[in-house]
Amino acid sequence: MSRQTIIHRSFDPFGTFKPLKRATITACALGSYMQFFVTNTLRVEGEHHLKGLDPRRVLFVLNHQTYFMDMIGFYWVLSSPNPFNRRPWIYFVADRKTMERNVITSQVFRFAGLVGIKRTWKEGEQAIKRAVDPNDQDAIGKALNDGWVVTFPQGTTKPFAPVRRGVAHIIRNYRPTVVPVVIEGFSKAFGKAALWSRQRGVDLRIRVKAPLDLNPEADVSTLTEIIADAIEQSPRFNPMPG
């Protein structure tokens, strides 16, 4: 076995030692067991849609309710029936500034597979307009070529916020298999930035849907509309429009 092959098998494209990555994901899952299965109840639907997916170039698109617990909860889905199952390498896309709010948490998530990006529409509390950073797109492409990538295409925990154009560029540039996922109950159970429950006995749900039949040549607005509908964040799902 060549030295290059050994390095490739031992480190991910961002230089993280893969055994450390696996251990971090396992620790996150085990450390959150009480939150998901004792204090509250996590129910997962549609796990069968994970079977048969390629081990690379799969993009999961989720609605967003908390900064951290959404992803930790989804780790349970991707590692079911127990956190020791071997699965494709997992990466997730998140805003760098949000992750930096908690130094310890940001380090843990970096080891677990964080792909940090810059928001194109917001800097702190200020609205901006910034072009999609090609370096961010390249980083997501590297992650897709190594495994499965999880993204929250609204980029905010605000319900029914628009899907941002970055996800459409990912689809157009890298043509991944796109799997929509809907989460429910997380905003009720957890504080937005906390790692513990603020309310007990909440029914948490994660629904994995069938991969989307997308035309990667479609225009950006068409792709964002399809994604918004698939994760049930389009206007027709809003019970209080306007």
C-alpha atoms as a PDB file:
ATOM      1  CA  MET A   1       0.000   0.000   0.000  1.00  0.00           C
ATOM      2  CA  SER A   2       1.472   3.368  -1.018  1.00  0.00           C
ATOM      3  CA  ARG A   3       2.083   6.189   1.438  1.00  0.00           C
ATOM      4  CA  GLN A   4      -0.424   8.340  -0.451  1.00  0.00           C
ATOM      5  CA  THR A   5      -3.124   5.673  -0.070  1.00  0.00           C
ATOM      6  CA  ILE A   6      -2.439   5.368   3.663  1.00  0.00           C
ATOM      7  CA  ILE A   7      -2.736   9.143   4.077  1.00  0.00           C
ATOM      8  CA  HIS A   8      -5.984   9.217   2.057  1.00  0.00           C
ATOM      9  CA  ARG A   9      -7.507   6.488   4.212  1.00  0.00           C
ATOM     10  CA  SER A  10      -6.319   8.073   7.468  1.00  0.00           C
ATOM     11  CA  PHE A  11      -7.241  11.737   6.881  1.00  0.00           C
ATOM     12  CA  ASP A  12     -10.243  13.470   5.373  1.00  0.00           C
ATOM     13  CA  PRO A  13      -9.820  16.166   2.677  1.00  0.00           C
ATOM     14  CA  PHE A  14      -9.568  18.834   5.393  1.00  0.00           C
ATOM     15  CA  GLY A  15      -6.789  17.138   7.328  1.00  0.00           C
ATOM     16  CA  THR A  16      -8.848  15.619  10.143  1.00  0.00           C
ATOM     17  CA  PHE A  17      -7.646  12.220  11.344  1.00  0.00           C
ATOM     18  CA  LYS A  18     -10.516   9.896  10.410  1.00  0.00           C
ATOM     19  CA  PRO A  19     -10.407   7.719  13.567  1.00  0.00           C
ATOM     20  CA  LEU A  20     -10.711  10.953  15.588  1.00  0.00           C
ATOM     21  CA  LYS A  21     -13.639  11.978  13.419  1.00  0.00           C
ATOM     22  CA  ARG A  22     -15.377   8.645  13.983  1.00  0.00           C
ATOM     23  CA  ALA A  23     -14.737   8.858  17.744  1.00  0.00           C
ATOM     24  CA  THR A  24     -16.121  12.415  17.892  1.00  0.00           C
ATOM     25  CA  ILE A  25     -19.333  11.448  16.102  1.00  0.00           C
ATOM     26  CA  THR A  26     -19.756   8.462  18.415  1.00  0.00           C
ATOM     27  CA  ALA A  27     -19.187  10.666  21.471  1.00  0.00           C
ATOM     28  CA  CYS A  28     -21.773  13.204  20.228  1.00  0.00           C
ATOM     29  CA  ALA A  29     -24.311  10.435  19.745  1.00  0.00           C
ATOM     30  CA  LEU A  30     -23.694   8.801  23.118  1.00  0.00           C
ATOM     31  CA  GLY A  31     -23.545  12.143  24.932  1.00  0.00           C
ATOM     32  CA  SER A  32     -26.925  13.155  23.549  1.00  0.00           C
ATOM     33  CA  TYR A  33     -28.729   9.874  24.275  1.00  0.00           C
ATOM     34  CA  MET A  34     -30.589  11.281  27.313  1.00  0.00           C
ATOM     35  CA  GLN A  35     -31.766  14.314  25.335  1.00  0.00           C
ATOM     36  CA  PHE A  36     -33.251  12.273  22.498  1.00  0.00           C
ATOM     37  CA  PHE A  37     -34.449   9.051  24.095  1.00  0.00           C
ATOM     38  CA  VAL A  38     -35.105   9.726  27.805  1.00  0.00           C
ATOM     39  CA  THR A  39     -35.906  13.409  28.330  1.00  0.00           C
ATOM     40  CA  ASN A  40     -37.664  13.503  24.953  1.00  0.00           C
ATOM     41  CA  THR A  41     -38.627  10.944  22.313  1.00  0.00           C
ATOM     42  CA  LEU A  42     -36.988  10.863  18.897  1.00  0.00           C
ATOM     43  CA  ARG A  43     -38.931   9.133  16.140  1.00  0.00           C
ATOM     44  CA  VAL A  44     -37.415   8.548  12.725  1.00  0.00           C
ATOM     45  CA  GLU A  45     -39.391   7.897   9.566  1.00  0.00           C
ATOM     46  CA  GLY A  46     -38.163   6.984   6.108  1.00  0.00           C
ATOM     47  CA  GLU A  47     -34.873   5.320   7.086  1.00  0.00           C
ATOM     48  CA  HIS A  48     -35.361   2.929   4.189  1.00  0.00           C
ATOM     49  CA  HIS A  49     -34.530   5.819   1.836  1.00  0.00           C
ATOM     50  CA  LEU A  50     -30.932   5.641   3.109  1.00  0.00           C
ATOM     51  CA  LYS A  51     -30.489   2.126   1.813  1.00  0.00           C
ATOM     52  CA  GLY A  52     -28.853   1.876  -1.563  1.00  0.00           C
ATOM     53  CA  LEU A  53     -27.467   5.409  -1.557  1.00  0.00           C
ATOM     54  CA  ASP A  54     -23.972   5.795  -2.931  1.00  0.00           C
ATOM     55  CA  PRO A  55     -21.280   6.240  -0.256  1.00  0.00           C
ATOM     56  CA  ARG A  56     -20.298   9.545  -1.881  1.00  0.00           C
ATOM     57  CA  ARG A  57     -21.909  12.570  -3.517  1.00  0.00           C
ATOM     58  CA  VAL A  58     -25.132  12.549  -1.486  1.00  0.00           C
ATOM     59  CA  LEU A  59     -26.503  15.886  -0.271  1.00  0.00           C
ATOM     60  CA  PHE A  60     -29.043  15.942   2.564  1.00  0.00           C
ATOM     61  CA  VAL A  61     -31.100  19.157   2.755  1.00  0.00           C
ATOM     62  CA  LEU A  62     -32.829  19.899   6.076  1.00  0.00           C
ATOM     63  CA  ASN A  63     -34.987  22.611   7.555  1.00  0.00           C
ATOM     64  CA  HIS A  64     -33.264  24.299  10.490  1.00  0.00           C
ATOM     65  CA  GLN A  65     -34.524  24.787  14.066  1.00  0.00           C
ATOM     66  CA  THR A  66     -31.461  24.892  16.361  1.00  0.00           C
ATOM     67  CA  TYR A  67     -27.779  25.681  15.896  1.00  0.00           C
ATOM     68  CA  PHE A  68     -26.455  22.325  17.076  1.00  0.00           C
ATOM     69  CA  MET A  69     -29.100  19.776  18.081  1.00  0.00           C
ATOM     70  CA  ASP A  70     -30.516  19.408  14.547  1.00  0.00           C
ATOM     71  CA  MET A  71     -27.218  17.983  13.370  1.00  0.00           C
ATOM     72  CA  ILE A  72     -26.635  15.843  16.466  1.00  0.00           C
ATOM     73  CA  GLY A  73     -30.116  14.380  16.088  1.00  0.00           C
ATOM     74  CA  PHE A  74     -29.476  13.640  12.433  1.00  0.00           C
ATOM     75  CA  TYR A  75     -26.244  11.853  13.395  1.00  0.00           C
ATOM     76  CA  TRP A  76     -28.473   9.338  15.145  1.00  0.00           C
ATOM     77  CA  VAL A  77     -30.355   8.755  11.906  1.00  0.00           C
ATOM     78  CA  LEU A  78     -27.197   8.321   9.854  1.00  0.00           C
ATOM     79  CA  SER A  79     -25.639   5.958  12.394  1.00  0.00           C
ATOM     80  CA  SER A  80     -28.744   3.932  13.281  1.00  0.00           C
ATOM     81  CA  PRO A  81     -29.439   1.379  14.651  1.00  0.00           C
ATOM     82  CA  ASN A  82     -26.486   2.248  16.894  1.00  0.00           C
ATOM     83  CA  PRO A  83     -23.700   4.834  16.791  1.00  0.00           C
ATOM     84  CA  PHE A  84     -21.042   2.185  16.116  1.00  0.00           C
ATOM     85  CA  ASN A  85     -22.362   1.255  12.675  1.00  0.00           C
ATOM     86  CA  ARG A  86     -19.987   2.121   9.871  1.00  0.00           C
ATOM     87  CA  ARG A  87     -21.495   4.592   7.450  1.00  0.00           C
ATOM     88  CA  PRO A  88     -20.113   6.833   4.737  1.00  0.00           C
ATOM     89  CA  TRP A  89     -18.105   9.778   6.040  1.00  0.00           C
ATOM     90  CA  ILE A  90     -20.412  12.588   7.128  1.00  0.00           C
ATOM     91  CA  TYR A  91     -19.855  16.312   6.643  1.00  0.00           C
ATOM     92  CA  PHE A  92     -22.143  19.210   7.387  1.00  0.00           C
ATOM     93  CA  VAL A  93     -22.252  22.777   6.151  1.00  0.00           C
ATOM     94  CA  ALA A  94     -22.614  25.630   8.651  1.00  0.00           C
ATOM     95  CA  ASP A  95     -21.894  29.319   8.966  1.00  0.00           C
ATOM     96  CA  ARG A  96     -18.433  29.903  10.447  1.00  0.00           C
ATOM     97  CA  LYS A  97     -19.592  32.804  12.623  1.00  0.00           C
ATOM     98  CA  THR A  98     -22.361  30.742  14.195  1.00  0.00           C
ATOM     99  CA  MET A  99     -19.982  27.911  15.008  1.00  0.00           C
ATOM    100  CA  GLU A 100     -17.514  30.341  16.583  1.00  0.00           C
ATOM    101  CA  ARG A 101     -20.033  31.420  19.225  1.00  0.00           C
ATOM    102  CA  ASN A 102     -18.925  28.519  21.388  1.00  0.00           C
ATOM    103  CA  VAL A 103     -15.224  27.660  21.135  1.00  0.00           C
ATOM    104  CA  ILE A 104     -15.530  24.151  22.574  1.00  0.00           C
ATOM    105  CA  THR A 105     -18.548  23.249  20.468  1.00  0.00           C
ATOM    106  CA  SER A 106     -16.926  24.619  17.310  1.00  0.00           C
ATOM    107  CA  GLN A 107     -13.860  22.427  17.866  1.00  0.00           C
ATOM    108  CA  VAL A 108     -15.996  19.339  18.458  1.00  0.00           C
ATOM    109  CA  PHE A 109     -17.990  19.961  15.302  1.00  0.00           C
ATOM    110  CA  ARG A 110     -14.825  20.635  13.314  1.00  0.00           C
ATOM    111  CA  PHE A 111     -13.559  17.183  14.265  1.00  0.00           C
ATOM    112  CA  ALA A 112     -16.990  15.717  13.457  1.00  0.00           C
ATOM    113  CA  GLY A 113     -17.047  17.059   9.881  1.00  0.00           C
ATOM    114  CA  LEU A 114     -17.774  20.781   9.782  1.00  0.00           C
ATOM    115  CA  VAL A 115     -17.470  22.547   6.426  1.00  0.00           C
ATOM    116  CA  GLY A 116     -17.526  26.212   7.440  1.00  0.00           C
ATOM    117  CA  ILE A 117     -18.815  28.789   4.960  1.00  0.00           C
ATOM    118  CA  LYS A 118     -19.576  32.516   4.878  1.00  0.00           C
ATOM    119  CA  ARG A 119     -23.166  33.663   4.592  1.00  0.00           C
ATOM    120  CA  THR A 120     -23.912  35.594   1.421  1.00  0.00           C
ATOM    121  CA  TRP A 121     -26.874  37.570   2.788  1.00  0.00           C
ATOM    122  CA  LYS A 122     -25.982  38.367   6.401  1.00  0.00           C
ATOM    123  CA  GLU A 123     -22.951  39.491   8.416  1.00  0.00           C
ATOM    124  CA  GLY A 124     -23.775  39.438  12.125  1.00  0.00           C
ATOM    125  CA  GLU A 125     -27.116  41.232  12.344  1.00  0.00           C
ATOM    126  CA  GLN A 126     -26.556  43.268   9.176  1.00  0.00           C
ATOM    127  CA  ALA A 127     -28.176  42.317   5.872  1.00  0.00           C
ATOM    128  CA  ILE A 128     -25.687  42.190   2.999  1.00  0.00           C
ATOM    129  CA  LYS A 129     -25.416  40.925  -0.559  1.00  0.00           C
ATOM    130  CA  ARG A 130     -22.285  38.925  -1.243  1.00  0.00           C
ATOM    131  CA  ALA A 131     -21.441  36.608  -4.111  1.00  0.00           C
ATOM    132  CA  VAL A 132     -21.141  32.896  -3.391  1.00  0.00           C
ATOM    133  CA  ASP A 133     -17.531  32.247  -2.379  1.00  0.00           C
ATOM    134  CA  PRO A 134     -15.961  29.780  -4.858  1.00  0.00           C
ATOM    135  CA  ASN A 135     -13.663  28.524  -2.068  1.00  0.00           C
ATOM    136  CA  ASP A 136     -16.720  27.551  -0.036  1.00  0.00           C
ATOM    137  CA  GLN A 137     -18.154  25.734  -3.045  1.00  0.00           C
ATOM    138  CA  ASP A 138     -14.834  23.938  -3.567  1.00  0.00           C
ATOM    139  CA  ALA A 139     -14.807  22.807   0.071  1.00  0.00           C
ATOM    140  CA  ILE A 140     -18.324  21.412  -0.238  1.00  0.00           C
ATOM    141  CA  GLY A 141     -17.282  19.650  -3.440  1.00  0.00           C
ATOM    142  CA  LYS A 142     -14.352  18.005  -1.623  1.00  0.00           C
ATOM    143  CA  ALA A 143     -16.708  16.823   1.105  1.00  0.00           C
ATOM    144  CA  LEU A 144     -19.176  15.411  -1.442  1.00  0.00           C
ATOM    145  CA  ASN A 145     -16.384  13.523  -3.174  1.00  0.00           C
ATOM    146  CA  ASP A 146     -15.491  11.886   0.151  1.00  0.00           C
ATOM    147  CA  GLY A 147     -18.916  11.091   1.577  1.00  0.00           C
ATOM    148  CA  TRP A 148     -22.336  12.473   2.505  1.00  0.00           C
ATOM    149  CA  VAL A 149     -22.943  16.174   3.129  1.00  0.00           C
ATOM    150  CA  VAL A 150     -25.692  17.652   5.302  1.00  0.00           C
ATOM    151  CA  THR A 151     -26.781  21.249   4.700  1.00  0.00           C
ATOM    152  CA  PHE A 152     -29.449  23.592   6.017  1.00  0.00           C
ATOM    153  CA  PRO A 153     -30.252  25.569   2.862  1.00  0.00           C
ATOM    154  CA  GLN A 154     -32.255  28.319   4.588  1.00  0.00           C
ATOM    155  CA  GLY A 155     -29.148  29.264   6.568  1.00  0.00           C
ATOM    156  CA  THR A 156     -31.239  30.378   9.540  1.00  0.00           C
ATOM    157  CA  THR A 157     -33.469  28.877  12.213  1.00  0.00           C
ATOM    158  CA  LYS A 158     -36.312  31.240  11.263  1.00  0.00           C
ATOM    159  CA  PRO A 159     -39.245  29.134   9.971  1.00  0.00           C
ATOM    160  CA  PHE A 160     -40.176  29.569   6.308  1.00  0.00           C
ATOM    161  CA  ALA A 161     -37.138  31.698   5.527  1.00  0.00           C
ATOM    162  CA  PRO A 162     -36.210  31.477   1.835  1.00  0.00           C
ATOM    163  CA  VAL A 163     -33.865  28.784   0.611  1.00  0.00           C
ATOM    164  CA  ARG A 164     -30.568  30.426  -0.324  1.00  0.00           C
ATOM    165  CA  ARG A 165     -29.123  30.154  -3.803  1.00  0.00           C
ATOM    166  CA  GLY A 166     -25.926  28.446  -2.594  1.00  0.00           C
ATOM    167  CA  VAL A 167     -27.629  25.056  -2.485  1.00  0.00           C
ATOM    168  CA  ALA A 168     -28.688  25.441  -6.126  1.00  0.00           C
ATOM    169  CA  HIS A 169     -25.091  26.146  -7.108  1.00  0.00           C
ATOM    170  CA  ILE A 170     -23.985  22.986  -5.270  1.00  0.00           C
ATOM    171  CA  ILE A 171     -26.527  20.949  -7.234  1.00  0.00           C
ATOM    172  CA  ARG A 172     -25.593  22.542 -10.544  1.00  0.00           C
ATOM    173  CA  ASN A 173     -21.840  22.228  -9.983  1.00  0.00           C
ATOM    174  CA  TYR A 174     -21.559  18.778  -8.405  1.00  0.00           C
ATOM    175  CA  ARG A 175     -24.815  16.981  -9.350  1.00  0.00           C
ATOM    176  CA  PRO A 176     -25.225  15.064  -6.085  1.00  0.00           C
ATOM    177  CA  THR A 177     -28.108  12.834  -5.124  1.00  0.00           C
ATOM    178  CA  VAL A 178     -30.338  15.184  -3.102  1.00  0.00           C
ATOM    179  CA  VAL A 179     -32.284  13.773  -0.146  1.00  0.00           C
ATOM    180  CA  PRO A 180     -34.739  16.090   1.658  1.00  0.00           C
ATOM    181  CA  VAL A 181     -35.241  15.722   5.415  1.00  0.00           C
ATOM    182  CA  VAL A 182     -37.855  17.395   7.634  1.00  0.00           C
ATOM    183  CA  ILE A 183     -37.281  17.842  11.371  1.00  0.00           C
ATOM    184  CA  GLU A 184     -40.000  18.713  13.870  1.00  0.00           C
ATOM    185  CA  GLY A 185     -40.082  19.538  17.567  1.00  0.00           C
ATOM    186  CA  PHE A 186     -36.450  20.580  17.987  1.00  0.00           C
ATOM    187  CA  SER A 187     -37.194  24.286  18.471  1.00  0.00           C
ATOM    188  CA  LYS A 188     -39.691  23.393  21.198  1.00  0.00           C
ATOM    189  CA  ALA A 189     -37.402  20.957  23.024  1.00  0.00           C
ATOM    190  CA  PHE A 190     -34.071  22.813  22.904  1.00  0.00           C
ATOM    191  CA  GLY A 191     -32.743  26.306  23.251  1.00  0.00           C
ATOM    192  CA  LYS A 192     -31.552  27.686  19.925  1.00  0.00           C
ATOM    193  CA  ALA A 193     -27.870  27.543  20.867  1.00  0.00           C
ATOM    194  CA  ALA A 194     -27.963  25.101  23.799  1.00  0.00           C
ATOM    195  CA  LEU A 195     -27.033  21.434  24.022  1.00  0.00           C
ATOM    196  CA  TRP A 196     -29.690  20.510  26.557  1.00  0.00           C
ATOM    197  CA  SER A 197     -33.484  20.373  26.764  1.00  0.00           C
ATOM    198  CA  ARG A 198     -35.506  23.362  27.868  1.00  0.00           C
ATOM    199  CA  GLN A 199     -38.707  21.319  27.772  1.00  0.00           C
ATOM    200  CA  ARG A 200     -39.235  17.657  28.576  1.00  0.00           C
ATOM    201  CA  GLY A 201     -41.497  15.113  26.925  1.00  0.00           C
ATOM    202  CA  VAL A 202     -41.356  16.580  23.426  1.00  0.00           C
ATOM    203  CA  ASP A 203     -42.071  14.329  20.465  1.00  0.00           C
ATOM    204  CA  LEU A 204     -39.103  14.865  18.127  1.00  0.00           C
ATOM    205  CA  ARG A 205     -39.484  13.702  14.540  1.00  0.00           C
ATOM    206  CA  ILE A 206     -37.042  13.322  11.682  1.00  0.00           C
ATOM    207  CA  ARG A 207     -38.583  12.367   8.338  1.00  0.00           C
ATOM    208  CA  VAL A 208     -36.238  11.222   5.598  1.00  0.00           C
ATOM    209  CA  LYS A 209     -37.836  11.563   2.171  1.00  0.00           C
ATOM    210  CA  ALA A 210     -37.050   9.862  -1.114  1.00  0.00           C
ATOM    211  CA  PRO A 211     -34.236  11.366  -3.209  1.00  0.00           C
ATOM    212  CA  LEU A 212     -35.416  14.162  -5.464  1.00  0.00           C
ATOM    213  CA  ASP A 213     -35.630  13.752  -9.220  1.00  0.00           C
ATOM    214  CA  LEU A 214     -33.854  16.967 -10.145  1.00  0.00           C
ATOM    215  CA  ASN A 215     -32.611  18.449 -13.365  1.00  0.00           C
ATOM    216  CA  PRO A 216     -29.224  19.927 -12.390  1.00  0.00           C
ATOM    217  CA  GLU A 217     -29.415  22.151 -15.469  1.00  0.00           C
ATOM    218  CA  ALA A 218     -32.504  23.914 -14.090  1.00  0.00           C
ATOM    219  CA  ASP A 219     -32.114  27.573 -13.176  1.00  0.00           C
ATOM    220  CA  VAL A 220     -31.259  28.617  -9.630  1.00  0.00           C
ATOM    221  CA  SER A 221     -34.731  29.906  -8.728  1.00  0.00           C
ATOM    222  CA  THR A 222     -36.387  26.667  -9.879  1.00  0.00           C
ATOM    223  CA  LEU A 223     -34.016  24.544  -7.796  1.00  0.00           C
ATOM    224  CA  THR A 224     -34.476  26.662  -4.668  1.00  0.00           C
ATOM    225  CA  GLU A 225     -38.268  26.448  -5.044  1.00  0.00           C
ATOM    226  CA  ILE A 226     -38.116  22.653  -5.331  1.00  0.00           C
ATOM    227  CA  ILE A 227     -35.879  22.395  -2.259  1.00  0.00           C
ATOM    228  CA  ALA A 228     -38.111  24.719  -0.211  1.00  0.00           C
ATOM    229  CA  ASP A 229     -41.137  22.607  -1.079  1.00  0.00           C
ATOM    230  CA  ALA A 230     -39.318  19.329  -0.331  1.00  0.00           C
ATOM    231  CA  ILE A 231     -38.272  20.426   3.181  1.00  0.00           C
ATOM    232  CA  GLU A 232     -41.769  21.886   3.729  1.00  0.00           C
ATOM    233  CA  GLN A 233     -40.610  25.473   4.066  1.00  0.00           C
ATOM    234  CA  SER A 234     -42.343  26.926   1.023  1.00  0.00           C
ATOM    235  CA  PRO A 235     -45.285  29.342   1.441  1.00  0.00           C
ATOM    236  CA  ARG A 236     -47.876  26.621   0.949  1.00  0.00           C
ATOM    237  CA  PHE A 237     -46.737  24.941   4.189  1.00  0.00           C
ATOM    238  CA  ASN A 238     -46.864  28.146   6.222  1.00  0.00           C
ATOM    239  CA  PRO A 239     -49.966  28.147   8.448  1.00  0.00           C
ATOM    240  CA  MET A 240     -49.556  31.903   9.048  1.00  0.00           C
ATOM    241  CA  PRO A 241     -48.534  33.443   5.691  1.00  0.00           C
ATOM    242  CA  GLY A 242     -47.471  37.046   5.689  1.00  0.00           C
END
